[in-house]
Amino acid sequence: MRRSDPLTKPVHRRVGAYLFNRTWDLLSNPHRTRDEDDEMLRCAYASRYHWSRAGHALNFSIGEWQLSRVYASLGRAEPAAYHGKRALEIARRGHLAKFYVAYGYEALARAYQVAGKRTQSRRYVELATRTGKAVRESDARRMLTEDLASIRKQWSRSARRRSAAG
């Protein structure tokens, strides 16, 4: 027997948005504690759940992207890749704008960068870059470009650490 949902769609949307923003606040803090890392992950999953009750493909794709980003920031490549693949799959299946498809690729590039799989990471950065060229909004294109640049910067840091160690 399935119970009826005690929350209305507008409540799910408000809570989902609040938790998404809380996750982003935590993600933006470079000095998070372990407890804050845990809170960030719980908030991201809870946000995604609430959007699943009141949203549509756009919200689902963004929620999966955020989960991927959270896992990447925690250095957990496998779940970052899983949620990145889900974000991309939902964006494609939902025929979302190129911006969201590009961010699915961005999530995978970041996940593979965390995994130390530079070839795959570069491949997805290239796909995100190519797809992003179709994004008309200059602010959206700039945001994507900056996020892709942050992945490339990580490649440089990793290469410097390897050459210093070897």
C-alpha atoms as a PDB file:
ATOM      1  CA  MET A   1       0.000   0.000   0.000  1.00  0.00           C
ATOM      2  CA  ARG A   2       1.418   3.358  -1.009  1.00  0.00           C
ATOM      3  CA  ARG A   3       0.906   6.264   1.334  1.00  0.00           C
ATOM      4  CA  SER A   4      -0.053   9.624  -0.023  1.00  0.00           C
ATOM      5  CA  ASP A   5       2.561  12.334   0.105  1.00  0.00           C
ATOM      6  CA  PRO A   6       1.875  14.704   3.004  1.00  0.00           C
ATOM      7  CA  LEU A   7       3.787  17.500   1.240  1.00  0.00           C
ATOM      8  CA  THR A   8       2.397  19.536  -1.624  1.00  0.00           C
ATOM      9  CA  LYS A   9       4.350  20.146  -4.812  1.00  0.00           C
ATOM     10  CA  PRO A  10       4.998  23.784  -3.877  1.00  0.00           C
ATOM     11  CA  VAL A  11       6.458  22.624  -0.544  1.00  0.00           C
ATOM     12  CA  HIS A  12       8.672  20.087  -2.324  1.00  0.00           C
ATOM     13  CA  ARG A  13       9.853  22.833  -4.698  1.00  0.00           C
ATOM     14  CA  ARG A  14      10.648  25.255  -1.858  1.00  0.00           C
ATOM     15  CA  VAL A  15      12.494  22.629   0.159  1.00  0.00           C
ATOM     16  CA  GLY A  16      14.316  21.324  -2.932  1.00  0.00           C
ATOM     17  CA  ALA A  17      15.455  24.841  -3.835  1.00  0.00           C
ATOM     18  CA  TYR A  18      16.506  25.616  -0.267  1.00  0.00           C
ATOM     19  CA  LEU A  19      18.551  22.411  -0.037  1.00  0.00           C
ATOM     20  CA  PHE A  20      20.099  22.994  -3.471  1.00  0.00           C
ATOM     21  CA  ASN A  21      21.249  26.445  -2.363  1.00  0.00           C
ATOM     22  CA  ARG A  22      22.486  25.122   0.986  1.00  0.00           C
ATOM     23  CA  THR A  23      24.489  22.475  -0.873  1.00  0.00           C
ATOM     24  CA  TRP A  24      25.967  25.162  -3.119  1.00  0.00           C
ATOM     25  CA  ASP A  25      26.906  27.312  -0.095  1.00  0.00           C
ATOM     26  CA  LEU A  26      28.746  24.361   1.431  1.00  0.00           C
ATOM     27  CA  LEU A  27      30.334  23.430  -1.898  1.00  0.00           C
ATOM     28  CA  SER A  28      31.661  26.989  -2.216  1.00  0.00           C
ATOM     29  CA  ASN A  29      33.402  26.821   1.163  1.00  0.00           C
ATOM     30  CA  PRO A  30      37.002  25.611   0.655  1.00  0.00           C
ATOM     31  CA  HIS A  31      37.456  25.132   4.419  1.00  0.00           C
ATOM     32  CA  ARG A  32      34.579  22.741   5.092  1.00  0.00           C
ATOM     33  CA  THR A  33      34.767  20.435   8.068  1.00  0.00           C
ATOM     34  CA  ARG A  34      34.036  16.728   7.792  1.00  0.00           C
ATOM     35  CA  ASP A  35      30.623  17.379   9.332  1.00  0.00           C
ATOM     36  CA  GLU A  36      29.953  20.024   6.684  1.00  0.00           C
ATOM     37  CA  ASP A  37      31.032  17.577   3.964  1.00  0.00           C
ATOM     38  CA  ASP A  38      28.471  15.124   5.335  1.00  0.00           C
ATOM     39  CA  GLU A  39      25.804  17.820   5.499  1.00  0.00           C
ATOM     40  CA  MET A  40      26.598  18.866   1.923  1.00  0.00           C
ATOM     41  CA  LEU A  41      26.084  15.340   0.649  1.00  0.00           C
ATOM     42  CA  ARG A  42      22.860  14.855   2.615  1.00  0.00           C
ATOM     43  CA  CYS A  43      21.517  18.207   1.372  1.00  0.00           C
ATOM     44  CA  ALA A  44      22.313  17.352  -2.253  1.00  0.00           C
ATOM     45  CA  TYR A  45      20.486  14.024  -2.045  1.00  0.00           C
ATOM     46  CA  ALA A  46      17.550  15.561  -0.193  1.00  0.00           C
ATOM     47  CA  SER A  47      17.290  18.351  -2.767  1.00  0.00           C
ATOM     48  CA  ARG A  48      17.301  15.821  -5.595  1.00  0.00           C
ATOM     49  CA  TYR A  49      14.576  13.826  -3.825  1.00  0.00           C
ATOM     50  CA  HIS A  50      12.321  16.843  -3.348  1.00  0.00           C
ATOM     51  CA  TRP A  51      12.747  17.848  -6.983  1.00  0.00           C
ATOM     52  CA  SER A  52      11.830  14.294  -7.996  1.00  0.00           C
ATOM     53  CA  ARG A  53       8.458  14.900  -6.308  1.00  0.00           C
ATOM     54  CA  ALA A  54       7.744  18.282  -7.863  1.00  0.00           C
ATOM     55  CA  GLY A  55      10.091  18.974 -10.752  1.00  0.00           C
ATOM     56  CA  HIS A  56      10.755  17.819 -14.274  1.00  0.00           C
ATOM     57  CA  ALA A  57      13.726  16.759 -16.418  1.00  0.00           C
ATOM     58  CA  LEU A  58      15.531  20.081 -16.020  1.00  0.00           C
ATOM     59  CA  ASN A  59      15.473  19.835 -12.208  1.00  0.00           C
ATOM     60  CA  PHE A  60      16.444  16.165 -12.311  1.00  0.00           C
ATOM     61  CA  SER A  61      19.451  16.810 -14.551  1.00  0.00           C
ATOM     62  CA  ILE A  62      20.623  19.740 -12.434  1.00  0.00           C
ATOM     63  CA  GLY A  63      20.204  17.683  -9.259  1.00  0.00           C
ATOM     64  CA  GLU A  64      22.277  14.826 -10.681  1.00  0.00           C
ATOM     65  CA  TRP A  65      24.903  17.338 -11.832  1.00  0.00           C
ATOM     66  CA  GLN A  66      25.067  18.799  -8.320  1.00  0.00           C
ATOM     67  CA  LEU A  67      25.479  15.334  -6.781  1.00  0.00           C
ATOM     68  CA  SER A  68      28.317  14.673  -9.217  1.00  0.00           C
ATOM     69  CA  ARG A  69      29.962  17.963  -8.307  1.00  0.00           C
ATOM     70  CA  VAL A  70      29.638  17.238  -4.573  1.00  0.00           C
ATOM     71  CA  TYR A  71      31.217  13.806  -4.971  1.00  0.00           C
ATOM     72  CA  ALA A  72      34.024  15.246  -7.105  1.00  0.00           C
ATOM     73  CA  SER A  73      34.740  17.846  -4.426  1.00  0.00           C
ATOM     74  CA  LEU A  74      34.961  14.991  -1.916  1.00  0.00           C
ATOM     75  CA  GLY A  75      37.445  13.134  -4.143  1.00  0.00           C
ATOM     76  CA  ARG A  76      35.005  10.283  -4.809  1.00  0.00           C
ATOM     77  CA  ALA A  77      35.312   9.616  -8.518  1.00  0.00           C
ATOM     78  CA  GLU A  78      33.012   6.612  -8.953  1.00  0.00           C
ATOM     79  CA  PRO A  79      29.815   8.190  -7.587  1.00  0.00           C
ATOM     80  CA  ALA A  80      30.775  11.484  -9.283  1.00  0.00           C
ATOM     81  CA  ALA A  81      30.886   9.646 -12.621  1.00  0.00           C
ATOM     82  CA  TYR A  82      27.626   7.818 -11.908  1.00  0.00           C
ATOM     83  CA  HIS A  83      25.718  11.038 -11.208  1.00  0.00           C
ATOM     84  CA  GLY A  84      27.442  12.825 -14.100  1.00  0.00           C
ATOM     85  CA  LYS A  85      26.239  10.084 -16.456  1.00  0.00           C
ATOM     86  CA  ARG A  86      22.722  10.425 -15.040  1.00  0.00           C
ATOM     87  CA  ALA A  87      22.794  14.216 -15.532  1.00  0.00           C
ATOM     88  CA  LEU A  88      23.867  13.786 -19.155  1.00  0.00           C
ATOM     89  CA  GLU A  89      21.360  10.995 -19.810  1.00  0.00           C
ATOM     90  CA  ILE A  90      18.462  13.033 -18.394  1.00  0.00           C
ATOM     91  CA  ALA A  91      19.519  16.148 -20.346  1.00  0.00           C
ATOM     92  CA  ARG A  92      19.647  14.194 -23.600  1.00  0.00           C
ATOM     93  CA  ARG A  93      16.497  12.158 -23.017  1.00  0.00           C
ATOM     94  CA  GLY A  94      14.612  15.290 -21.909  1.00  0.00           C
ATOM     95  CA  HIS A  95      15.834  17.238 -24.963  1.00  0.00           C
ATOM     96  CA  LEU A  96      17.159  19.956 -22.657  1.00  0.00           C
ATOM     97  CA  ALA A  97      19.094  22.951 -23.936  1.00  0.00           C
ATOM     98  CA  LYS A  98      22.724  22.456 -24.968  1.00  0.00           C
ATOM     99  CA  PHE A  99      23.810  24.196 -21.756  1.00  0.00           C
ATOM    100  CA  TYR A 100      22.580  21.242 -19.674  1.00  0.00           C
ATOM    101  CA  VAL A 101      24.079  18.668 -22.029  1.00  0.00           C
ATOM    102  CA  ALA A 102      27.394  20.527 -21.832  1.00  0.00           C
ATOM    103  CA  TYR A 103      27.209  20.444 -18.046  1.00  0.00           C
ATOM    104  CA  GLY A 104      26.623  16.695 -18.160  1.00  0.00           C
ATOM    105  CA  TYR A 105      29.928  16.470 -20.014  1.00  0.00           C
ATOM    106  CA  GLU A 106      31.511  18.885 -17.523  1.00  0.00           C
ATOM    107  CA  ALA A 107      30.449  16.625 -14.650  1.00  0.00           C
ATOM    108  CA  LEU A 108      32.045  13.615 -16.330  1.00  0.00           C
ATOM    109  CA  ALA A 109      35.224  15.570 -17.084  1.00  0.00           C
ATOM    110  CA  ARG A 110      35.506  16.516 -13.429  1.00  0.00           C
ATOM    111  CA  ALA A 111      34.767  12.962 -12.243  1.00  0.00           C
ATOM    112  CA  TYR A 112      37.462  11.502 -14.500  1.00  0.00           C
ATOM    113  CA  GLN A 113      39.883  14.226 -13.440  1.00  0.00           C
ATOM    114  CA  VAL A 114      39.313  13.183  -9.805  1.00  0.00           C
ATOM    115  CA  ALA A 115      39.900   9.558 -10.829  1.00  0.00           C
ATOM    116  CA  GLY A 116      43.222  10.516 -12.407  1.00  0.00           C
ATOM    117  CA  LYS A 117      41.949   9.476 -15.845  1.00  0.00           C
ATOM    118  CA  ARG A 118      43.294  12.414 -17.769  1.00  0.00           C
ATOM    119  CA  THR A 119      42.484  11.095 -21.269  1.00  0.00           C
ATOM    120  CA  GLN A 120      38.805  10.612 -20.431  1.00  0.00           C
ATOM    121  CA  SER A 121      38.695  13.934 -18.620  1.00  0.00           C
ATOM    122  CA  ARG A 122      40.134  15.723 -21.658  1.00  0.00           C
ATOM    123  CA  ARG A 123      37.629  13.965 -23.914  1.00  0.00           C
ATOM    124  CA  TYR A 124      34.692  15.232 -21.864  1.00  0.00           C
ATOM    125  CA  VAL A 125      36.129  18.742 -21.590  1.00  0.00           C
ATOM    126  CA  GLU A 126      36.328  18.765 -25.390  1.00  0.00           C
ATOM    127  CA  LEU A 127      32.727  17.519 -25.713  1.00  0.00           C
ATOM    128  CA  ALA A 128      31.552  20.139 -23.205  1.00  0.00           C
ATOM    129  CA  THR A 129      33.475  22.849 -25.061  1.00  0.00           C
ATOM    130  CA  ARG A 130      32.035  21.846 -28.426  1.00  0.00           C
ATOM    131  CA  THR A 131      28.517  21.561 -27.064  1.00  0.00           C
ATOM    132  CA  GLY A 132      28.900  24.829 -25.172  1.00  0.00           C
ATOM    133  CA  LYS A 133      29.559  26.718 -28.396  1.00  0.00           C
ATOM    134  CA  ALA A 134      25.848  26.339 -29.152  1.00  0.00           C
ATOM    135  CA  VAL A 135      24.902  28.105 -25.897  1.00  0.00           C
ATOM    136  CA  ARG A 136      23.617  31.551 -26.846  1.00  0.00           C
ATOM    137  CA  GLU A 137      23.487  33.228 -23.428  1.00  0.00           C
ATOM    138  CA  SER A 138      26.834  34.871 -22.767  1.00  0.00           C
ATOM    139  CA  ASP A 139      26.597  34.490 -18.956  1.00  0.00           C
ATOM    140  CA  ALA A 140      25.843  30.782 -19.268  1.00  0.00           C
ATOM    141  CA  ARG A 141      28.654  30.283 -21.793  1.00  0.00           C
ATOM    142  CA  ARG A 142      31.061  32.204 -19.512  1.00  0.00           C
ATOM    143  CA  MET A 143      30.090  30.089 -16.490  1.00  0.00           C
ATOM    144  CA  LEU A 144      30.689  26.877 -18.446  1.00  0.00           C
ATOM    145  CA  THR A 145      34.014  28.180 -19.763  1.00  0.00           C
ATOM    146  CA  GLU A 146      35.151  29.046 -16.228  1.00  0.00           C
ATOM    147  CA  ASP A 147      34.155  25.639 -14.873  1.00  0.00           C
ATOM    148  CA  LEU A 148      36.013  23.876 -17.692  1.00  0.00           C
ATOM    149  CA  ALA A 149      39.047  26.091 -17.047  1.00  0.00           C
ATOM    150  CA  SER A 150      39.027  24.979 -13.396  1.00  0.00           C
ATOM    151  CA  ILE A 151      39.305  21.360 -14.557  1.00  0.00           C
ATOM    152  CA  ARG A 152      42.196  22.229 -16.877  1.00  0.00           C
ATOM    153  CA  LYS A 153      43.881  24.045 -13.990  1.00  0.00           C
ATOM    154  CA  GLN A 154      43.667  20.833 -11.937  1.00  0.00           C
ATOM    155  CA  TRP A 155      45.454  18.997 -14.755  1.00  0.00           C
ATOM    156  CA  SER A 156      48.294  21.507 -14.520  1.00  0.00           C
ATOM    157  CA  ARG A 157      48.521  21.143 -10.745  1.00  0.00           C
ATOM    158  CA  SER A 158      48.535  17.362 -11.019  1.00  0.00           C
ATOM    159  CA  ALA A 159      51.280  17.471 -13.658  1.00  0.00           C
ATOM    160  CA  ARG A 160      53.415  19.768 -11.481  1.00  0.00           C
ATOM    161  CA  ARG A 161      53.004  17.458  -8.468  1.00  0.00           C
ATOM    162  CA  ARG A 162      53.990  14.426 -10.559  1.00  0.00           C
ATOM    163  CA  SER A 163      57.095  16.145 -11.947  1.00  0.00           C
ATOM    164  CA  ALA A 164      58.114  17.388  -8.473  1.00  0.00           C
ATOM    165  CA  ALA A 165      57.705  13.875  -7.047  1.00  0.00           C
ATOM    166  CA  GLY A 166      59.533  12.107  -9.860  1.00  0.00           C
END
